[in-house]
Amino acid sequence: GISLKTRLFRPARAACLLGFVTVLTTIQTVPPVHAATAPTGPKVSVPVGKLLQAAEKLVDANDLTTALGIIRQAQALPDQTPIDTYEINNFLGNISVRLNDHATAATAYEAMAESPVIPDAEKAATYRIASLPATEAQHFDKGIKYANAFFALGGPPDDVVLASVSQAYYFKNDWANAETMAKKAVAATPTGKFPNQAALQIILGTQLKQNRQNEAAATT
């Protein structure tokens, strides 16, 4: 097989689904690593690896449409191994984010998060990636599932993921968890950064939903 070190775009996109506010943070990306420089990575089959290498070169050249076509060819290959499928979805998600096709990206990242062969070193990034577009796509149960899997790995608090999952809980009418996660998002605000506005709106919204008008007045 061909060794590919899994490289994940890390979209830090948190779109509040409330009608009165939309927050779009910077999409952070990690550039692909060339397969030749990653001899210890997970092995993909030769047919898939050749297509992914071709797609990688096209992505490097910013020819995203052609790269997407190559990935569609890879998707159509028979007899894929689980790591083949995982890596194909990784590329599909990466390219779709760059093409502003968030629905396709969400589907690809959700498939990655459901894979039985996520490399241990990539679990945090994979669950993080999957949780954000899942919530944006209104797949709230999945957004919560992947966020909680991310939290369970014990990394530092992530204000973007916390704000995103607070929205998922909010739209499931789970006011308590929505407020808890939103407050954690605000508390996790990195130094020098403004608190996540979506999280602040969720705190206000949950207080109003629970008829806690005095607290809501203080929040505003």
Protein backbone atom coordinates (compact mmCIF):
# COMPACT_ATOMS: atom_id res chain seq x y z
CA GLY A 1 0.00 0.00 0.00
CA ILE A 2 0.88 3.66 -0.16
CA SER A 3 1.61 5.43 3.09
CA LEU A 4 -0.29 8.67 3.60
CA LYS A 5 -0.06 10.63 6.79
CA THR A 6 -3.55 11.82 7.52
CA ARG A 7 -3.76 15.59 7.27
CA LEU A 8 -6.89 17.32 8.36
CA PHE A 9 -8.26 20.72 7.59
CA ARG A 10 -9.47 22.16 10.86
CA PRO A 11 -12.43 24.38 10.04
CA ALA A 12 -13.13 26.61 13.00
CA ARG A 13 -16.46 27.62 11.55
CA ALA A 14 -19.23 28.26 14.05
CA ALA A 15 -22.39 29.57 12.46
CA CYS A 16 -25.13 30.45 14.92
CA LEU A 17 -28.40 29.21 13.54
CA LEU A 18 -30.44 31.80 15.42
CA GLY A 19 -31.99 34.24 12.99
CA PHE A 20 -30.57 37.29 14.74
CA VAL A 21 -26.87 36.43 14.60
CA THR A 22 -24.42 34.54 12.43
CA VAL A 23 -20.83 34.11 13.47
CA LEU A 24 -18.26 32.93 10.95
CA THR A 25 -14.77 32.45 12.28
CA THR A 26 -11.67 31.81 10.23
CA ILE A 27 -11.36 28.44 8.55
CA GLN A 28 -7.98 27.12 9.60
CA THR A 29 -6.35 24.64 7.27
CA VAL A 30 -3.46 22.26 7.51
CA PRO A 31 -1.64 21.77 4.20
CA PRO A 32 -1.36 18.22 2.85
CA VAL A 33 1.82 16.27 3.47
CA HIS A 34 3.30 14.60 0.43
CA ALA A 35 3.02 10.83 0.69
CA ALA A 36 6.71 10.37 -0.06
CA THR A 37 7.61 12.19 3.15
CA ALA A 38 5.31 10.16 5.38
CA PRO A 39 6.57 6.54 5.35
CA THR A 40 5.03 5.64 8.71
CA GLY A 41 1.49 6.82 8.03
CA PRO A 42 -1.57 4.63 7.56
CA LYS A 43 -1.50 2.56 4.40
CA VAL A 44 -3.97 3.14 1.63
CA SER A 45 -4.29 0.79 -1.30
CA VAL A 46 -2.21 1.53 -4.39
CA PRO A 47 -5.14 2.50 -6.68
CA VAL A 48 -6.55 4.90 -4.08
CA GLY A 49 -3.13 6.24 -3.16
CA LYS A 50 -2.31 7.13 -6.75
CA LEU A 51 -5.52 9.12 -7.10
CA LEU A 52 -5.01 10.87 -3.77
CA GLN A 53 -1.49 11.83 -4.76
CA ALA A 54 -2.80 13.28 -8.01
CA ALA A 55 -5.53 15.16 -6.14
CA GLU A 56 -2.98 16.48 -3.65
CA LYS A 57 -0.92 18.02 -6.44
CA LEU A 58 -4.04 19.67 -7.86
CA VAL A 59 -4.98 21.04 -4.44
CA ASP A 60 -1.46 22.43 -4.08
CA ALA A 61 -1.97 24.14 -7.44
CA ASN A 62 -5.38 25.42 -6.28
CA ASP A 63 -7.15 23.49 -9.07
CA LEU A 64 -9.90 22.41 -6.74
CA THR A 65 -12.53 21.49 -9.32
CA THR A 66 -10.23 19.02 -11.05
CA ALA A 67 -9.07 17.70 -7.68
CA LEU A 68 -12.69 17.08 -6.73
CA GLY A 69 -13.18 15.09 -9.92
CA ILE A 70 -10.19 12.91 -9.00
CA ILE A 71 -11.64 12.31 -5.54
CA ARG A 72 -14.95 11.28 -7.11
CA GLN A 73 -12.99 8.72 -9.13
CA ALA A 74 -11.43 7.44 -5.92
CA GLN A 75 -14.87 7.16 -4.32
CA ALA A 76 -15.99 4.94 -7.20
CA LEU A 77 -13.14 2.44 -6.82
CA PRO A 78 -14.21 -1.03 -5.65
CA ASP A 79 -12.75 -3.01 -2.76
CA GLN A 80 -11.82 -0.01 -0.61
CA THR A 81 -10.26 -0.64 2.77
CA PRO A 82 -11.57 1.34 5.75
CA ILE A 83 -8.46 3.57 5.68
CA ASP A 84 -9.01 4.13 1.95
CA THR A 85 -12.50 5.42 2.65
CA TYR A 86 -11.31 7.51 5.60
CA GLU A 87 -8.60 9.20 3.54
CA ILE A 88 -10.90 9.77 0.56
CA ASN A 89 -13.36 11.52 2.86
CA ASN A 90 -10.52 13.54 4.35
CA PHE A 91 -9.65 14.89 0.90
CA LEU A 92 -13.32 15.34 0.01
CA GLY A 93 -13.95 17.35 3.16
CA ASN A 94 -10.81 19.45 2.63
CA ILE A 95 -11.69 20.32 -0.95
CA SER A 96 -15.36 20.94 -0.19
CA VAL A 97 -14.48 23.45 2.54
CA ARG A 98 -12.32 25.35 0.08
CA LEU A 99 -15.12 25.26 -2.48
CA ASN A 100 -17.56 26.58 0.15
CA ASP A 101 -19.66 23.42 -0.16
CA HIS A 102 -20.39 22.95 3.51
CA ALA A 103 -23.06 20.28 3.02
CA THR A 104 -20.63 17.94 1.26
CA ALA A 105 -17.94 18.76 3.79
CA ALA A 106 -20.31 17.88 6.64
CA THR A 107 -21.13 14.52 5.07
CA ALA A 108 -17.46 13.72 4.50
CA TYR A 109 -16.38 14.70 8.00
CA GLU A 110 -19.26 12.80 9.58
CA ALA A 111 -18.16 9.69 7.67
CA MET A 112 -14.63 10.19 8.98
CA ALA A 113 -15.89 10.49 12.56
CA GLU A 114 -17.83 7.25 12.16
CA SER A 115 -14.83 5.38 10.76
CA PRO A 116 -13.56 2.39 12.77
CA VAL A 117 -9.97 3.17 11.81
CA ILE A 118 -9.40 6.76 12.93
CA PRO A 119 -5.70 6.97 13.84
CA ASP A 120 -5.33 7.69 17.54
CA ALA A 121 -3.26 10.79 16.83
CA GLU A 122 -6.04 12.17 14.62
CA LYS A 123 -9.07 11.47 16.79
CA ALA A 124 -9.26 14.90 18.39
CA ALA A 125 -8.95 16.71 15.06
CA THR A 126 -11.42 14.36 13.38
CA TYR A 127 -14.11 14.73 16.03
CA ARG A 128 -13.58 18.48 16.14
CA ILE A 129 -13.88 18.77 12.38
CA ALA A 130 -17.01 16.64 12.30
CA SER A 131 -18.84 18.40 15.12
CA LEU A 132 -18.82 21.91 13.65
CA PRO A 133 -20.32 21.36 10.17
CA ALA A 134 -22.71 18.74 11.58
CA THR A 135 -24.28 21.38 13.81
CA GLU A 136 -24.25 23.91 10.99
CA ALA A 137 -26.09 21.37 8.81
CA GLN A 138 -28.64 20.98 11.62
CA HIS A 139 -27.52 17.41 12.31
CA PHE A 140 -27.73 18.28 15.97
CA ASP A 141 -27.47 14.78 17.43
CA LYS A 142 -24.29 14.19 15.45
CA GLY A 143 -22.89 17.58 16.37
CA ILE A 144 -23.38 16.73 20.02
CA LYS A 145 -22.01 13.20 19.61
CA TYR A 146 -18.78 14.29 17.95
CA ALA A 147 -18.27 17.25 20.27
CA ASN A 148 -18.63 14.99 23.29
CA ALA A 149 -16.19 12.51 21.75
CA PHE A 150 -13.77 15.42 21.31
CA PHE A 151 -14.25 16.56 24.91
CA ALA A 152 -13.80 12.99 26.19
CA LEU A 153 -10.23 12.95 24.86
CA GLY A 154 -9.36 15.47 27.56
CA GLY A 155 -7.79 18.25 25.56
CA PRO A 156 -7.88 21.93 26.54
CA PRO A 157 -11.26 23.70 26.37
CA ASP A 158 -12.10 24.82 22.83
CA ASP A 159 -14.36 27.84 22.74
CA VAL A 160 -15.44 27.23 19.14
CA VAL A 161 -16.53 23.62 19.72
CA LEU A 162 -18.21 24.56 23.01
CA ALA A 163 -20.13 27.37 21.32
CA SER A 164 -21.14 25.10 18.46
CA VAL A 165 -22.43 22.32 20.69
CA SER A 166 -24.31 24.87 22.80
CA GLN A 167 -26.24 25.74 19.64
CA ALA A 168 -26.98 22.06 18.99
CA TYR A 169 -28.41 21.68 22.49
CA TYR A 170 -30.36 24.92 22.11
CA PHE A 171 -32.15 23.74 18.99
CA LYS A 172 -32.97 20.46 20.71
CA ASN A 173 -34.66 22.52 23.45
CA ASP A 174 -32.13 21.33 26.01
CA TRP A 175 -31.77 24.67 27.72
CA ALA A 176 -29.65 23.46 30.64
CA ASN A 177 -26.93 21.88 28.52
CA ALA A 178 -27.08 24.72 26.01
CA GLU A 179 -26.45 27.29 28.73
CA THR A 180 -23.75 25.19 30.40
CA MET A 181 -21.81 24.74 27.17
CA ALA A 182 -22.23 28.37 26.15
CA LYS A 183 -20.87 29.55 29.51
CA LYS A 184 -17.93 27.16 29.14
CA ALA A 185 -17.30 28.62 25.69
CA VAL A 186 -17.15 32.12 27.12
CA ALA A 187 -14.90 30.96 29.94
CA ALA A 188 -12.58 29.29 27.41
CA THR A 189 -12.07 32.47 25.41
CA PRO A 190 -8.37 32.76 24.59
CA THR A 191 -6.50 35.77 25.93
CA GLY A 192 -6.90 38.76 23.65
CA LYS A 193 -9.97 37.39 21.89
CA PHE A 194 -13.54 38.61 22.28
CA PRO A 195 -15.96 36.05 23.78
CA ASN A 196 -17.79 33.97 21.21
CA GLN A 197 -20.82 36.03 20.27
CA ALA A 198 -22.86 32.97 19.37
CA ALA A 199 -22.27 31.62 22.88
CA LEU A 200 -23.37 34.90 24.43
CA GLN A 201 -26.56 34.81 22.37
CA ILE A 202 -27.22 31.24 23.48
CA ILE A 203 -26.84 32.25 27.14
CA LEU A 204 -29.33 35.05 26.64
CA GLY A 205 -31.70 32.82 24.68
CA THR A 206 -31.73 30.04 27.27
CA GLN A 207 -32.39 32.52 30.06
CA LEU A 208 -35.34 33.99 28.17
CA LYS A 209 -36.68 30.53 27.34
CA GLN A 210 -36.62 29.68 31.04
CA ASN A 211 -38.30 32.98 32.02
CA ARG A 212 -35.24 34.16 33.92
CA GLN A 213 -35.77 37.74 32.88
CA ASN A 214 -33.56 39.33 35.52
CA GLU A 215 -30.58 37.18 34.50
CA ALA A 216 -31.29 37.89 30.84
CA ALA A 217 -31.29 41.61 31.55
CA ALA A 218 -27.91 41.28 33.23
CA THR A 219 -26.56 39.25 30.29
CA THR A 220 -27.48 41.98 27.82
